[in-house]
Amino acid sequence: MTTVPTTGAPPDERRSWLPMAGLFLAQVLMSFNVAALPVSLGGMVDDFDSAPTVVSSTIVVYGLAVAALVMVGAKLGQRIGWVLTFRVVIATFGVSAVMMVLSPSIAWAIAAQAVAGASAAIIVPSLVALIAENYHGGQQATAIGSLGSARALSGVSAFLIGGALGTLVGWRPVFAIVIGIAVLVFVFSFTLRSDRGDAAITIDLVGAVLIGAAIVVLTLGFNNLNAWGVFFADESAPFDVLGVSPAPVLIVAGVVLGQAFFFWTRRRTRAGQVPLVDLSVLGRSSERAAVYAMFVVVALEAALNFTVPLYIQIVQGRTPFDTSLAMMPFNLTVFLTATLVVRFYTRFSPKAIGVFAFVLTTVALVWLAYVVTNNWETLPTIAGLIVFGIGQGALVTLVFNVLVTAVPKSLAGDVGSVRGTTQNLASAVGTAVAGALLVTILGLGVGRALADHTELPESLVARVNLDNVNFVGNDQLRETLHRIGASPAEVEAAVAVNEQVRLDTLKFGLLILAGISATAIVPATRLPNYRPEEIPEPGTTGD
């Protein structure tokens, strides 16, 4: 077996970590910005006198811009040159933060996040390409791991810093921090190894339209499953198709457009033309297994990050700061594991680490389903979050590293675009599926609980809308019951139903997530069974 590194760099060469400091901060830049948006929503609602649904468009626009343009961004980097492209988009990202700080209206804020999303669509693949250009071997594995840890670190810091600034000063200084990070990244970019673009590379406009439309339509469909209806259209749906919700219609349309993109890309490849993304990065089953594993683990993370805060903040009525403390064991564990797991690459193969990590996430979710209570500070709950964080952190770094080391350096940008597309879709799907599952389970649980609690008269249930299938806070429920003159016994019974049924729903949801995690264990056995020093030269092994 050939044992040369895939990056083509001398195996004994070690580079300074200064370039990686800039790339690490670039990941922090994107992650901090997107994590700061939810924290800033309340302040923007008050500042712009806009509805929360309108203000939340900043998050939607950013995500759609990244998802739709990431493959085009990869080709721009290959054509122009990664270092030059990286500097330009870091500058435009900084400009978007200036627009946020100075925005006089919500329209400016939405436009700012559109600019930030378009910039991030190029930053995402450039990080992979620049790591492949500047590092190899053990340094490359460590560098890739740092990107995963940067996401976790940014989420925690944005929540804590953003929450403190938003409470004491206002939401605008949060994005002043983004400006400062962008300036630092721009300065560090001059330590990156220079490269030259390839003017012969063309951008497949038809493929760009197909994949961009597919991702936008899929994301809109999944994100609106709860708002518009899982199957039948709700009143809030903008339209319906013979009574069917537009959400599943958009999902089907997105799948069809995605299939059309793959058909078109293969056709261009056979004709000897440059495709928007080189599908050879998914040519072996080990690489497809890595993408599937990445999708599952990111979807699980998104589902957990949606489910736990939903219960803590809405049902228990606790603050966002309480939520950040509850999720701190998970986020810190992801941060540490994503960085340290590379130390095990010399002893265990990607296959062994992947299977073990998915076993950990499955066991952790089952454990959480059994031990979770209304008190998130219990040792069993913290232990479950830590174990899940170990598995998740290991997988995020592992599958990314498998994809980067499996292809030549020239295709690193394509790997970056695949990573960006997969993570954006997985995040949208994980959040949407978690919401749809919880609402469905909740509907079954509420009906059974109301039938068991005969002390709650039907008239009270009808007036309070207790059987409304949604997550209602205990404090909000008590206030409503007192206002309509319910007796103390009826108030306590209703609150007990509300809290217990929604806790049971959370438990069932965690069990279902454990099942989804378990489905990835067998595919993880298709991950490569080599160690880093045994990585074959790309193209020398079949599958």
Protein backbone atom coordinates (compact mmCIF):
# COMPACT_ATOMS: atom_id res chain seq x y z
CA MET A 1 0.00 0.00 0.00
CA THR A 2 1.29 3.46 -0.89
CA THR A 3 1.98 5.54 2.18
CA VAL A 4 2.52 9.06 0.83
CA PRO A 5 0.41 11.80 2.40
CA THR A 6 -2.45 13.08 0.31
CA THR A 7 -1.43 16.73 0.58
CA GLY A 8 1.81 16.18 -1.26
CA ALA A 9 3.85 18.00 1.40
CA PRO A 10 7.05 16.53 2.85
CA PRO A 11 6.07 14.19 5.70
CA ASP A 12 8.63 15.68 8.13
CA GLU A 13 7.72 19.34 7.51
CA ARG A 14 6.02 21.17 10.37
CA ARG A 15 4.54 24.61 9.88
CA SER A 16 3.81 27.40 12.30
CA TRP A 17 0.36 27.42 13.89
CA LEU A 18 -0.08 31.13 13.12
CA PRO A 19 -1.95 30.43 9.84
CA MET A 20 -4.23 28.02 11.72
CA ALA A 21 -4.95 30.70 14.30
CA GLY A 22 -6.46 32.78 11.51
CA LEU A 23 -8.47 29.87 10.12
CA PHE A 24 -9.69 28.96 13.62
CA LEU A 25 -10.84 32.54 14.16
CA ALA A 26 -12.57 32.49 10.76
CA GLN A 27 -14.69 29.56 11.95
CA VAL A 28 -15.30 31.44 15.20
CA LEU A 29 -16.32 34.49 13.14
CA MET A 30 -19.09 32.61 11.33
CA SER A 31 -20.25 30.59 14.32
CA PHE A 32 -20.29 33.60 16.68
CA ASN A 33 -22.34 35.63 14.21
CA VAL A 34 -24.98 32.96 13.70
CA ALA A 35 -25.14 32.16 17.44
CA ALA A 36 -25.48 35.85 18.30
CA LEU A 37 -28.57 36.29 16.14
CA PRO A 38 -31.03 34.39 18.41
CA VAL A 39 -29.60 36.18 21.46
CA SER A 40 -30.15 39.54 19.77
CA LEU A 41 -33.71 38.92 18.56
CA GLY A 42 -35.39 40.50 21.59
CA GLY A 43 -33.32 43.66 21.34
CA MET A 44 -33.91 43.97 17.60
CA VAL A 45 -37.67 43.51 18.08
CA ASP A 46 -37.72 46.45 20.50
CA ASP A 47 -35.23 48.58 18.55
CA PHE A 48 -36.90 48.22 15.14
CA ASP A 49 -40.45 47.86 16.46
CA SER A 50 -40.86 44.77 14.28
CA ALA A 51 -42.58 41.44 14.83
CA PRO A 52 -40.36 38.56 16.05
CA THR A 53 -41.19 36.57 12.91
CA VAL A 54 -39.86 39.41 10.75
CA VAL A 55 -36.70 39.81 12.83
CA SER A 56 -36.06 36.05 12.72
CA SER A 57 -35.74 36.44 8.94
CA THR A 58 -32.14 37.49 9.62
CA ILE A 59 -31.38 33.91 10.69
CA VAL A 60 -33.28 32.38 7.76
CA VAL A 61 -31.63 34.63 5.15
CA TYR A 62 -28.14 33.87 6.49
CA GLY A 63 -28.70 30.12 6.43
CA LEU A 64 -30.25 30.12 2.96
CA ALA A 65 -27.42 32.21 1.51
CA VAL A 66 -24.78 29.86 2.90
CA ALA A 67 -26.57 26.70 1.80
CA ALA A 68 -27.43 27.93 -1.70
CA LEU A 69 -24.05 29.44 -2.59
CA VAL A 70 -21.46 27.19 -0.90
CA MET A 71 -20.76 25.08 -4.01
CA VAL A 72 -20.42 28.19 -6.17
CA GLY A 73 -18.11 29.59 -3.51
CA ALA A 74 -15.84 26.58 -3.80
CA LYS A 75 -15.46 27.05 -7.53
CA LEU A 76 -14.77 30.79 -7.15
CA GLY A 77 -11.95 29.97 -4.73
CA GLN A 78 -10.43 27.46 -7.14
CA ARG A 79 -10.64 29.91 -10.05
CA ILE A 80 -9.39 33.08 -8.32
CA GLY A 81 -7.09 31.57 -5.70
CA TRP A 82 -7.97 30.64 -2.12
CA VAL A 83 -5.89 33.20 -0.22
CA LEU A 84 -7.08 36.20 -2.22
CA THR A 85 -10.68 35.00 -2.14
CA PHE A 86 -10.44 34.36 1.60
CA ARG A 87 -9.24 37.90 2.30
CA VAL A 88 -11.99 39.47 0.19
CA VAL A 89 -14.83 37.53 1.84
CA ILE A 90 -13.46 38.14 5.34
CA ALA A 91 -13.59 41.84 4.52
CA THR A 92 -17.17 41.59 3.23
CA PHE A 93 -18.14 39.64 6.35
CA GLY A 94 -16.73 42.50 8.41
CA VAL A 95 -18.75 44.96 6.32
CA SER A 96 -21.90 42.95 7.10
CA ALA A 97 -21.16 43.33 10.82
CA VAL A 98 -20.73 47.10 10.36
CA MET A 99 -24.14 47.13 8.64
CA MET A 100 -25.61 45.31 11.65
CA VAL A 101 -24.14 47.79 14.14
CA LEU A 102 -25.35 50.82 12.13
CA SER A 103 -28.60 49.37 10.75
CA PRO A 104 -31.45 51.90 10.99
CA SER A 105 -34.16 49.36 10.14
CA ILE A 106 -34.84 45.63 10.06
CA ALA A 107 -34.41 45.69 6.27
CA TRP A 108 -30.78 46.74 6.78
CA ALA A 109 -30.23 43.92 9.28
CA ILE A 110 -31.70 41.35 6.87
CA ALA A 111 -29.52 42.70 4.04
CA ALA A 112 -26.49 42.54 6.34
CA GLN A 113 -27.08 38.87 7.07
CA ALA A 114 -27.54 38.16 3.37
CA VAL A 115 -24.06 39.63 2.81
CA ALA A 116 -22.70 37.62 5.75
CA GLY A 117 -24.25 34.41 4.42
CA ALA A 118 -22.86 34.94 0.92
CA SER A 119 -19.42 35.59 2.44
CA ALA A 120 -19.65 32.49 4.64
CA ALA A 121 -20.55 30.41 1.58
CA ILE A 122 -17.00 31.05 0.35
CA ILE A 123 -15.31 30.95 3.76
CA VAL A 124 -16.62 27.41 4.46
CA PRO A 125 -14.84 25.66 1.54
CA SER A 126 -11.82 27.97 1.80
CA LEU A 127 -11.12 26.74 5.34
CA VAL A 128 -10.77 23.17 4.08
CA ALA A 129 -8.70 24.15 1.06
CA LEU A 130 -6.35 26.35 3.08
CA ILE A 131 -5.84 23.68 5.74
CA ALA A 132 -4.93 21.21 3.00
CA GLU A 133 -2.58 23.79 1.48
CA ASN A 134 -0.83 24.71 4.73
CA TYR A 135 -0.81 21.50 6.83
CA HIS A 136 -0.46 17.75 6.43
CA GLY A 137 -0.39 14.58 8.49
CA GLY A 138 -0.88 15.02 12.23
CA GLN A 139 -0.98 18.80 11.94
CA GLN A 140 -3.74 18.58 9.36
CA ALA A 141 -5.82 16.29 11.58
CA THR A 142 -5.37 18.65 14.53
CA ALA A 143 -6.30 21.64 12.35
CA ILE A 144 -9.48 19.94 11.15
CA GLY A 145 -10.40 19.07 14.72
CA SER A 146 -10.02 22.69 15.75
CA LEU A 147 -12.79 23.72 13.33
CA GLY A 148 -15.25 21.48 15.15
CA SER A 149 -14.16 22.77 18.52
CA ALA A 150 -14.43 26.37 17.27
CA ARG A 151 -18.14 25.88 16.54
CA ALA A 152 -18.84 24.66 20.08
CA LEU A 153 -16.71 27.38 21.69
CA SER A 154 -18.39 30.10 19.62
CA GLY A 155 -21.87 28.92 20.54
CA VAL A 156 -21.14 29.06 24.27
CA SER A 157 -19.29 32.39 24.15
CA ALA A 158 -21.91 34.05 21.93
CA PHE A 159 -24.67 33.00 24.30
CA LEU A 160 -22.88 34.16 27.44
CA ILE A 161 -21.27 37.33 26.05
CA GLY A 162 -24.24 38.20 23.86
CA GLY A 163 -26.67 37.65 26.71
CA ALA A 164 -24.64 39.85 29.07
CA LEU A 165 -24.16 42.65 26.54
CA GLY A 166 -27.77 42.45 25.41
CA THR A 167 -28.95 42.85 28.99
CA LEU A 168 -26.51 45.56 30.09
CA VAL A 169 -25.79 47.56 26.93
CA GLY A 170 -27.80 46.42 23.92
CA TRP A 171 -27.58 44.03 20.98
CA ARG A 172 -25.42 46.18 18.66
CA PRO A 173 -22.14 45.79 20.63
CA VAL A 174 -22.43 42.02 20.09
CA PHE A 175 -21.77 42.57 16.39
CA ALA A 176 -18.96 45.00 17.18
CA ILE A 177 -17.19 41.88 18.48
CA VAL A 178 -17.77 40.29 15.05
CA ILE A 179 -16.02 43.29 13.46
CA GLY A 180 -13.05 42.83 15.77
CA ILE A 181 -12.77 39.12 14.95
CA ALA A 182 -12.95 39.88 11.21
CA VAL A 183 -10.05 42.35 11.54
CA LEU A 184 -7.95 39.73 13.36
CA VAL A 185 -8.68 37.08 10.72
CA PHE A 186 -7.75 39.51 7.94
CA VAL A 187 -4.40 40.23 9.61
CA PHE A 188 -3.68 36.51 10.15
CA SER A 189 -4.52 35.80 6.50
CA PHE A 190 -1.11 37.23 5.50
CA THR A 191 0.57 34.26 7.21
CA LEU A 192 -1.18 31.79 4.89
CA ARG A 193 0.81 30.00 2.20
CA SER A 194 0.05 31.69 -1.10
CA ASP A 195 -1.56 29.83 -3.97
CA ARG A 196 -2.61 30.61 -7.51
CA GLY A 197 -6.04 30.24 -9.01
CA ASP A 198 -6.84 28.34 -12.17
CA ALA A 199 -8.46 30.63 -14.72
CA ALA A 200 -9.38 27.60 -16.81
CA ILE A 201 -11.97 26.55 -14.21
CA THR A 202 -15.47 27.55 -15.25
CA ILE A 203 -18.57 27.78 -13.09
CA ASP A 204 -21.46 25.54 -14.07
CA LEU A 205 -24.36 28.00 -13.96
CA VAL A 206 -27.03 25.37 -14.63
CA GLY A 207 -25.70 23.19 -11.82
CA ALA A 208 -25.49 26.22 -9.53
CA VAL A 209 -29.14 27.07 -10.16
CA LEU A 210 -30.26 23.46 -9.67
CA ILE A 211 -28.41 22.84 -6.39
CA GLY A 212 -29.14 26.33 -5.07
CA ALA A 213 -32.86 25.94 -5.74
CA ALA A 214 -32.85 22.40 -4.31
CA ILE A 215 -31.23 23.47 -1.04
CA VAL A 216 -33.38 26.58 -0.61
CA VAL A 217 -36.59 24.64 -1.30
CA LEU A 218 -35.59 21.74 0.97
CA THR A 219 -34.59 24.10 3.79
CA LEU A 220 -37.82 26.09 3.54
CA GLY A 221 -39.84 22.88 3.50
CA PHE A 222 -38.19 21.33 6.55
CA ASN A 223 -38.07 24.59 8.52
CA ASN A 224 -41.82 25.13 8.08
CA LEU A 225 -43.10 21.63 8.81
CA ASN A 226 -44.49 22.79 12.16
CA ALA A 227 -45.69 26.22 11.04
CA TRP A 228 -47.44 25.10 7.85
CA GLY A 229 -48.39 21.53 8.75
CA VAL A 230 -46.63 18.18 8.47
CA PHE A 231 -49.14 16.93 5.87
CA PHE A 232 -52.40 18.89 5.86
CA ALA A 233 -52.11 22.67 5.52
CA ASP A 234 -52.62 24.77 8.65
CA GLU A 235 -54.22 28.20 8.65
CA SER A 236 -50.78 29.83 8.73
CA ALA A 237 -49.69 28.12 5.48
CA PRO A 238 -49.22 30.63 2.63
CA PHE A 239 -50.96 28.25 0.19
CA ASP A 240 -52.00 24.63 -0.13
CA VAL A 241 -52.09 21.99 -2.84
CA LEU A 242 -55.49 20.32 -2.66
CA GLY A 243 -55.39 20.77 1.11
CA VAL A 244 -51.83 19.47 1.44
CA SER A 245 -49.31 21.63 3.31
CA PRO A 246 -46.70 23.37 1.14
CA ALA A 247 -43.94 22.07 3.46
CA PRO A 248 -43.92 18.42 2.23
CA VAL A 249 -44.55 19.66 -1.34
CA LEU A 250 -41.39 21.79 -1.13
CA ILE A 251 -39.42 18.86 0.33
CA VAL A 252 -40.42 16.62 -2.58
CA ALA A 253 -39.59 19.40 -5.06
CA GLY A 254 -36.20 19.83 -3.39
CA VAL A 255 -35.43 16.11 -3.70
CA VAL A 256 -36.36 16.17 -7.40
CA LEU A 257 -34.15 19.23 -8.01
CA GLY A 258 -31.31 17.52 -6.14
CA GLN A 259 -31.62 14.44 -8.35
CA ALA A 260 -31.62 16.69 -11.41
CA PHE A 261 -28.39 18.30 -10.14
CA PHE A 262 -26.64 14.93 -9.79
CA PHE A 263 -27.85 13.86 -13.25
CA TRP A 264 -26.59 17.11 -14.78
CA THR A 265 -23.24 16.91 -12.95
CA ARG A 266 -22.57 13.35 -14.15
CA ARG A 267 -23.47 14.39 -17.69
CA ARG A 268 -20.97 17.29 -17.61
CA THR A 269 -18.28 15.03 -16.17
CA ARG A 270 -18.77 12.45 -18.95
CA ALA A 271 -18.55 15.26 -21.51
CA GLY A 272 -15.18 16.34 -20.08
CA GLN A 273 -16.54 19.63 -18.71
CA VAL A 274 -15.82 21.01 -15.23
CA PRO A 275 -18.73 20.22 -12.87
CA LEU A 276 -19.84 22.48 -10.03
CA VAL A 277 -18.61 19.83 -7.58
CA ASP A 278 -16.42 16.84 -8.39
CA LEU A 279 -18.48 13.81 -7.40
CA SER A 280 -15.29 11.75 -7.12
CA VAL A 281 -15.08 13.07 -3.54
CA LEU A 282 -17.99 10.69 -2.91
CA GLY A 283 -16.68 7.96 -5.19
CA ARG A 284 -16.03 5.28 -2.55
CA SER A 285 -18.45 3.83 -0.05
CA SER A 286 -16.15 4.97 2.80
CA GLU A 287 -16.57 8.58 1.68
CA ARG A 288 -20.34 8.22 1.32
CA ALA A 289 -20.42 6.66 4.80
CA ALA A 290 -18.52 9.69 6.13
CA VAL A 291 -21.08 12.09 4.60
CA TYR A 292 -23.97 10.05 6.02
CA ALA A 293 -22.31 10.01 9.44
CA MET A 294 -21.78 13.79 9.25
CA PHE A 295 -25.44 14.31 8.35
CA VAL A 296 -26.70 12.15 11.23
CA VAL A 297 -24.44 13.63 13.90
CA VAL A 298 -25.16 17.25 12.91
CA ALA A 299 -28.90 16.50 12.75
CA LEU A 300 -28.74 14.92 16.23
CA GLU A 301 -26.90 17.95 17.60
CA ALA A 302 -29.46 20.32 16.06
CA ALA A 303 -32.32 18.25 17.45
CA LEU A 304 -30.85 18.22 20.96
CA ASN A 305 -30.08 21.94 20.82
CA PHE A 306 -33.71 22.54 19.84
CA THR A 307 -35.36 20.11 22.25
CA VAL A 308 -33.61 20.90 25.52
CA PRO A 309 -33.89 24.73 25.38
CA LEU A 310 -37.53 24.37 24.28
CA TYR A 311 -38.39 22.48 27.45
CA ILE A 312 -36.24 24.55 29.83
CA GLN A 313 -37.32 27.97 28.59
CA ILE A 314 -40.92 27.39 27.52
CA VAL A 315 -42.26 24.79 29.96
CA GLN A 316 -40.12 25.55 32.99
CA GLY A 317 -40.02 29.30 32.28
CA ARG A 318 -36.30 29.56 32.98
CA THR A 319 -33.96 32.13 31.41
CA PRO A 320 -31.66 31.72 28.40
CA PHE A 321 -28.74 31.91 30.82
CA ASP A 322 -30.15 28.87 32.66
CA THR A 323 -30.33 27.09 29.32
CA SER A 324 -26.69 27.89 28.55
CA LEU A 325 -25.69 26.49 31.94
CA ALA A 326 -27.74 23.34 31.35
CA MET A 327 -26.08 22.79 27.95
CA MET A 328 -22.61 23.79 29.15
CA PRO A 329 -21.44 20.20 29.91
CA PHE A 330 -22.40 19.16 26.36
CA ASN A 331 -20.84 22.16 24.60
CA LEU A 332 -17.60 22.07 26.58
CA THR A 333 -17.25 18.32 26.01
CA VAL A 334 -17.73 18.77 22.25
CA PHE A 335 -15.09 21.51 22.28
CA LEU A 336 -12.51 19.37 24.12
CA THR A 337 -13.24 16.11 22.30
CA ALA A 338 -13.15 17.64 18.82
CA THR A 339 -9.65 18.92 19.63
CA LEU A 340 -8.25 15.91 21.49
CA VAL A 341 -9.68 13.01 19.46
CA VAL A 342 -6.86 13.38 16.90
CA ARG A 343 -4.52 11.92 19.53
CA PHE A 344 -6.28 8.56 19.05
CA TYR A 345 -5.80 8.49 15.26
CA THR A 346 -2.43 6.75 15.58
CA ARG A 347 -3.93 3.92 17.66
CA PHE A 348 -7.39 3.38 16.18
CA SER A 349 -8.82 3.43 12.66
CA PRO A 350 -11.63 5.79 11.57
CA LYS A 351 -13.93 2.76 11.44
CA ALA A 352 -13.25 1.86 15.09
CA ILE A 353 -13.61 5.44 16.33
CA GLY A 354 -16.77 6.04 14.27
CA VAL A 355 -18.57 2.91 15.45
CA PHE A 356 -17.59 3.53 19.08
CA ALA A 357 -18.69 7.20 18.87
CA PHE A 358 -22.12 6.31 17.49
CA VAL A 359 -22.51 3.68 20.21
CA LEU A 360 -21.72 6.42 22.74
CA THR A 361 -24.30 8.85 21.29
CA THR A 362 -26.93 6.10 21.21
CA VAL A 363 -26.30 4.98 24.78
CA ALA A 364 -26.19 8.60 25.99
CA LEU A 365 -29.56 9.45 24.42
CA VAL A 366 -31.19 6.32 25.86
CA TRP A 367 -29.70 7.15 29.26
CA LEU A 368 -30.96 10.75 29.09
CA ALA A 369 -34.44 9.54 28.17
CA TYR A 370 -34.57 7.51 31.38
CA VAL A 371 -32.88 9.88 33.83
CA VAL A 372 -33.95 13.35 32.69
CA THR A 373 -36.13 15.20 35.21
CA ASN A 374 -37.29 18.75 35.78
CA ASN A 375 -33.92 19.42 37.42
CA TRP A 376 -31.17 19.60 34.80
CA GLU A 377 -28.40 19.94 37.37
CA THR A 378 -28.56 16.30 38.48
CA LEU A 379 -25.40 14.23 38.08
CA PRO A 380 -27.03 11.52 35.87
CA THR A 381 -28.29 14.16 33.43
CA ILE A 382 -24.91 15.93 33.30
CA ALA A 383 -23.19 12.57 32.76
CA GLY A 384 -25.52 11.80 29.83
CA LEU A 385 -24.83 15.16 28.19
CA ILE A 386 -21.07 14.65 28.63
CA VAL A 387 -21.13 11.17 27.05
CA PHE A 388 -23.21 12.46 24.13
CA GLY A 389 -20.77 15.35 23.73
CA ILE A 390 -17.81 12.93 23.58
CA GLY A 391 -19.42 10.95 20.76
CA GLN A 392 -20.57 14.04 18.88
CA GLY A 393 -17.24 15.86 19.15
CA ALA A 394 -15.30 12.81 18.00
CA LEU A 395 -17.56 12.27 14.99
CA VAL A 396 -17.56 15.88 13.77
CA THR A 397 -13.76 15.85 13.55
CA LEU A 398 -13.43 12.25 12.34
CA VAL A 399 -15.76 12.30 9.33
CA PHE A 400 -14.40 15.65 8.17
CA ASN A 401 -10.85 14.32 8.39
CA VAL A 402 -11.81 11.16 6.45
CA LEU A 403 -13.13 13.25 3.56
CA VAL A 404 -10.12 15.61 3.45
CA THR A 405 -7.50 12.84 3.56
CA ALA A 406 -9.32 10.76 0.93
CA VAL A 407 -8.90 13.20 -1.96
CA PRO A 408 -6.08 15.18 -3.59
CA LYS A 409 -5.36 18.67 -2.31
CA SER A 410 -6.86 20.12 -5.49
CA LEU A 411 -10.30 18.81 -4.47
CA ALA A 412 -10.21 20.15 -0.90
CA GLY A 413 -12.56 22.97 -1.91
CA ASP A 414 -15.08 20.42 -3.18
CA VAL A 415 -14.87 18.63 0.17
CA GLY A 416 -15.53 21.96 1.87
CA SER A 417 -18.62 22.58 -0.24
CA VAL A 418 -19.93 19.08 0.48
CA ARG A 419 -19.32 19.68 4.19
CA GLY A 420 -21.13 23.03 4.13
CA THR A 421 -24.11 21.67 2.21
CA THR A 422 -24.39 18.59 4.43
CA GLN A 423 -24.19 20.54 7.68
CA ASN A 424 -26.74 23.16 6.63
CA LEU A 425 -29.25 20.58 5.44
CA ALA A 426 -28.68 18.36 8.49
CA SER A 427 -29.20 21.28 10.85
CA ALA A 428 -32.49 22.23 9.18
CA VAL A 429 -33.70 18.62 9.04
CA GLY A 430 -32.68 17.88 12.65
CA THR A 431 -34.49 20.90 14.04
CA ALA A 432 -37.61 20.37 11.93
CA VAL A 433 -37.89 16.65 12.55
CA ALA A 434 -37.39 17.15 16.29
CA GLY A 435 -40.17 19.74 16.34
CA ALA A 436 -42.56 17.58 14.30
CA LEU A 437 -41.87 14.52 16.46
CA LEU A 438 -42.39 16.42 19.70
CA VAL A 439 -45.68 17.92 18.55
CA THR A 440 -46.96 14.52 17.38
CA ILE A 441 -45.98 12.75 20.61
CA LEU A 442 -47.34 15.64 22.65
CA GLY A 443 -50.73 15.37 20.96
CA LEU A 444 -51.03 11.71 21.94
CA GLY A 445 -49.82 12.35 25.49
CA VAL A 446 -52.11 15.31 26.21
CA GLY A 447 -55.24 13.42 25.19
CA ARG A 448 -54.39 10.49 27.44
CA ALA A 449 -53.44 12.70 30.40
CA LEU A 450 -56.64 14.75 30.25
CA ALA A 451 -58.66 11.54 30.22
CA ASP A 452 -56.84 10.36 33.37
CA HIS A 453 -57.31 13.64 35.30
CA THR A 454 -61.02 13.72 35.94
CA GLU A 455 -60.61 16.62 38.39
CA LEU A 456 -60.18 18.90 35.36
CA PRO A 457 -63.68 19.69 34.03
CA GLU A 458 -64.22 19.79 30.27
CA SER A 459 -65.36 23.41 30.52
CA LEU A 460 -62.00 24.39 32.02
CA VAL A 461 -60.06 22.48 29.36
CA ALA A 462 -62.06 24.22 26.64
CA ARG A 463 -61.61 27.72 28.12
CA VAL A 464 -57.87 27.39 28.73
CA ASN A 465 -57.19 25.40 25.55
CA LEU A 466 -55.27 22.88 27.65
CA ASP A 467 -55.33 20.33 24.89
CA ASN A 468 -53.61 22.72 22.51
CA VAL A 469 -50.78 20.67 21.06
CA ASN A 470 -47.87 22.98 21.80
CA PHE A 471 -45.37 23.76 24.52
CA VAL A 472 -46.93 26.10 27.10
CA GLY A 473 -45.07 27.57 30.07
CA ASN A 474 -46.18 26.77 33.62
CA ASP A 475 -46.19 30.44 34.62
CA GLN A 476 -48.28 31.37 31.59
CA LEU A 477 -50.71 28.57 32.38
CA ARG A 478 -51.07 29.60 36.05
CA GLU A 479 -51.72 33.20 35.04
CA THR A 480 -54.44 32.16 32.60
CA LEU A 481 -56.11 29.81 35.12
CA HIS A 482 -56.15 32.43 37.87
CA ARG A 483 -57.63 34.95 35.45
CA ILE A 484 -60.63 32.73 34.63
CA GLY A 485 -61.22 31.87 38.30
CA ALA A 486 -60.01 28.26 38.51
CA SER A 487 -59.70 26.79 41.98
CA PRO A 488 -56.22 26.19 43.50
CA ALA A 489 -56.69 22.43 43.10
CA GLU A 490 -57.57 22.81 39.43
CA VAL A 491 -54.57 25.11 38.88
CA GLU A 492 -52.14 22.61 40.41
CA ALA A 493 -53.68 19.70 38.50
CA ALA A 494 -53.45 21.55 35.20
CA VAL A 495 -49.84 22.57 35.84
CA ALA A 496 -49.01 18.97 36.76
CA VAL A 497 -50.52 17.76 33.48
CA ASN A 498 -48.67 20.41 31.52
CA GLU A 499 -45.27 19.65 33.06
CA GLN A 500 -45.51 15.87 33.20
CA VAL A 501 -46.88 15.34 29.70
CA ARG A 502 -44.27 17.61 28.18
CA LEU A 503 -41.51 15.91 30.18
CA ASP A 504 -42.77 12.54 28.92
CA THR A 505 -42.75 13.97 25.41
CA LEU A 506 -39.12 15.01 25.87
CA LYS A 507 -38.25 11.49 27.06
CA PHE A 508 -39.93 9.83 24.06
CA GLY A 509 -38.23 12.32 21.74
CA LEU A 510 -34.81 11.43 23.17
CA LEU A 511 -35.56 7.72 22.66
CA ILE A 512 -36.43 8.35 19.02
CA LEU A 513 -33.20 10.31 18.57
CA ALA A 514 -31.36 7.35 20.09
CA GLY A 515 -32.95 5.13 17.44
CA ILE A 516 -31.79 7.49 14.68
CA SER A 517 -28.28 7.42 16.17
CA ALA A 518 -28.34 3.62 16.21
CA THR A 519 -29.12 3.51 12.48
CA ALA A 520 -25.70 5.06 11.81
CA ILE A 521 -23.69 2.37 13.65
CA VAL A 522 -23.73 -0.15 10.78
CA PRO A 523 -22.98 2.44 8.06
CA ALA A 524 -20.07 3.63 10.23
CA THR A 525 -18.45 0.22 9.67
CA ARG A 526 -17.91 1.38 6.07
CA LEU A 527 -15.53 4.11 7.26
CA PRO A 528 -11.86 3.47 6.35
CA ASN A 529 -10.09 0.79 8.35
CA TYR A 530 -6.63 2.34 8.03
CA ARG A 531 -4.52 4.47 10.35
CA PRO A 532 -3.10 7.85 9.24
CA GLU A 533 0.31 6.45 8.31
CA GLU A 534 -1.45 3.89 6.09
CA ILE A 535 -3.61 6.33 4.11
CA PRO A 536 -3.48 5.21 0.48
CA GLU A 537 -2.75 7.61 -2.35
CA PRO A 538 -6.10 8.77 -3.79
CA GLY A 539 -7.20 6.70 -6.72
CA THR A 540 -5.12 3.61 -5.86
CA THR A 541 -7.84 1.72 -4.01
CA GLY A 542 -11.17 0.50 -5.25
CA ASP A 543 -14.37 -0.09 -3.37
